[in-house]
C-alpha atoms as a PDB file:
ATOM      1  CA  UNK A   1      74.918 113.921  60.555  1.00  0.00           C
ATOM      2  CA  UNK A   2      76.552 117.175  60.571  1.00  0.00           C
ATOM      3  CA  UNK A   3      78.566 117.959  63.683  1.00  0.00           C
ATOM      4  CA  UNK A   4      77.065 114.834  65.286  1.00  0.00           C
ATOM      5  CA  UNK A   5      79.108 112.385  62.827  1.00  0.00           C
ATOM      6  CA  UNK A   6      82.186 111.886  65.130  1.00  0.00           C
ATOM      7  CA  UNK A   7      79.844 110.673  67.858  1.00  0.00           C
ATOM      8  CA  UNK A   8      77.652 108.510  65.536  1.00  0.00           C
ATOM      9  CA  UNK A   9      80.753 107.050  63.919  1.00  0.00           C
ATOM     10  CA  UNK A  10      82.385 106.489  67.279  1.00  0.00           C
ATOM     11  CA  UNK A  11      79.261 104.800  68.752  1.00  0.00           C
ATOM     12  CA  UNK A  12      79.160 102.467  65.705  1.00  0.00           C
ATOM     13  CA  UNK A  13      83.027 101.528  66.051  1.00  0.00           C
ATOM     14  CA  UNK A  14      82.302 100.496  69.678  1.00  0.00           C
ATOM     15  CA  UNK A  15      79.286  98.483  68.894  1.00  0.00           C
ATOM     16  CA  UNK A  16      81.463  96.808  66.350  1.00  0.00           C
ATOM     17  CA  UNK A  17      84.294  96.462  68.487  1.00  0.00           C
ATOM     18  CA  UNK A  18      82.271  94.868  71.163  1.00  0.00           C
ATOM     19  CA  UNK A  19      80.595  92.377  68.851  1.00  0.00           C
ATOM     20  CA  UNK A  20      84.016  91.344  67.577  1.00  0.00           C
ATOM     21  CA  UNK A  21      85.289  90.647  71.020  1.00  0.00           C
ATOM     22  CA  UNK A  22      82.022  88.712  72.058  1.00  0.00           C
ATOM     23  CA  UNK A  23      82.384  86.468  68.707  1.00  0.00           C
ATOM     24  CA  UNK A  24      86.049  85.809  69.553  1.00  0.00           C
ATOM     25  CA  UNK A  25      85.179  84.970  73.138  1.00  0.00           C
ATOM     26  CA  UNK A  26      82.727  82.673  72.045  1.00  0.00           C
ATOM     27  CA  UNK A  27      84.496  80.626  69.745  1.00  0.00           C
ATOM     28  CA  UNK A  28      87.459  80.471  71.992  1.00  0.00           C
ATOM     29  CA  UNK A  29      85.107  79.269  74.555  1.00  0.00           C
ATOM     30  CA  UNK A  30      83.757  76.526  71.865  1.00  0.00           C
ATOM     31  CA  UNK A  31      87.176  75.457  71.072  1.00  0.00           C
ATOM     32  CA  UNK A  32      87.880  74.882  74.607  1.00  0.00           C
ATOM     33  CA  UNK A  33      84.817  72.931  75.614  1.00  0.00           C
ATOM     34  CA  UNK A  34      85.315  70.759  72.503  1.00  0.00           C
ATOM     35  CA  UNK A  35      88.551  69.822  73.503  1.00  0.00           C
ATOM     36  CA  UNK A  36      87.497  69.034  77.075  1.00  0.00           C
ATOM     37  CA  UNK A  37      84.767  67.206  75.494  1.00  0.00           C
ATOM     38  CA  UNK A  38      87.242  65.251  73.376  1.00  0.00           C
ATOM     39  CA  UNK A  39      89.348  64.438  76.411  1.00  0.00           C
ATOM     40  CA  UNK A  40      86.425  63.328  78.392  1.00  0.00           C
ATOM     41  CA  UNK A  41      85.408  61.055  76.005  1.00  0.00           C
ATOM     42  CA  UNK A  42      88.903  59.558  75.735  1.00  0.00           C
ATOM     43  CA  UNK A  43      89.044  58.994  79.207  1.00  0.00           C
ATOM     44  CA  UNK A  44      85.770  57.186  79.324  1.00  0.00           C
ATOM     45  CA  UNK A  45      86.436  54.999  76.414  1.00  0.00           C
ATOM     46  CA  UNK A  46      89.851  54.177  77.906  1.00  0.00           C
ATOM     47  CA  UNK A  47      87.918  53.411  81.469  1.00  0.00           C
ATOM     48  CA  UNK A  48      85.376  51.261  79.520  1.00  0.00           C
ATOM     49  CA  UNK A  49      88.474  49.436  77.926  1.00  0.00           C
ATOM     50  CA  UNK A  50      90.026  48.865  81.071  1.00  0.00           C
ATOM     51  CA  UNK A  51      86.786  47.680  82.704  1.00  0.00           C
ATOM     52  CA  UNK A  52      86.209  45.198  79.857  1.00  0.00           C
ATOM     53  CA  UNK A  53      89.766  43.750  79.921  1.00  0.00           C
ATOM     54  CA  UNK A  54      89.165  42.902  83.866  1.00  0.00           C
ATOM     55  CA  UNK A  55      88.660  38.764  84.512  1.00  0.00           C
END
């Protein structure tokens, strides 16, 4: 690599940093969506139970 080593390793570092940030953001969004889905499922089940208890 010679004199280009800092540029090459810097580019690898930036690319790795971007990949890490994207993976972390994706996992965070997945967790958030999972929590929302569970809350909606609980609310739907509660609504169904409430409707079934009506005379």
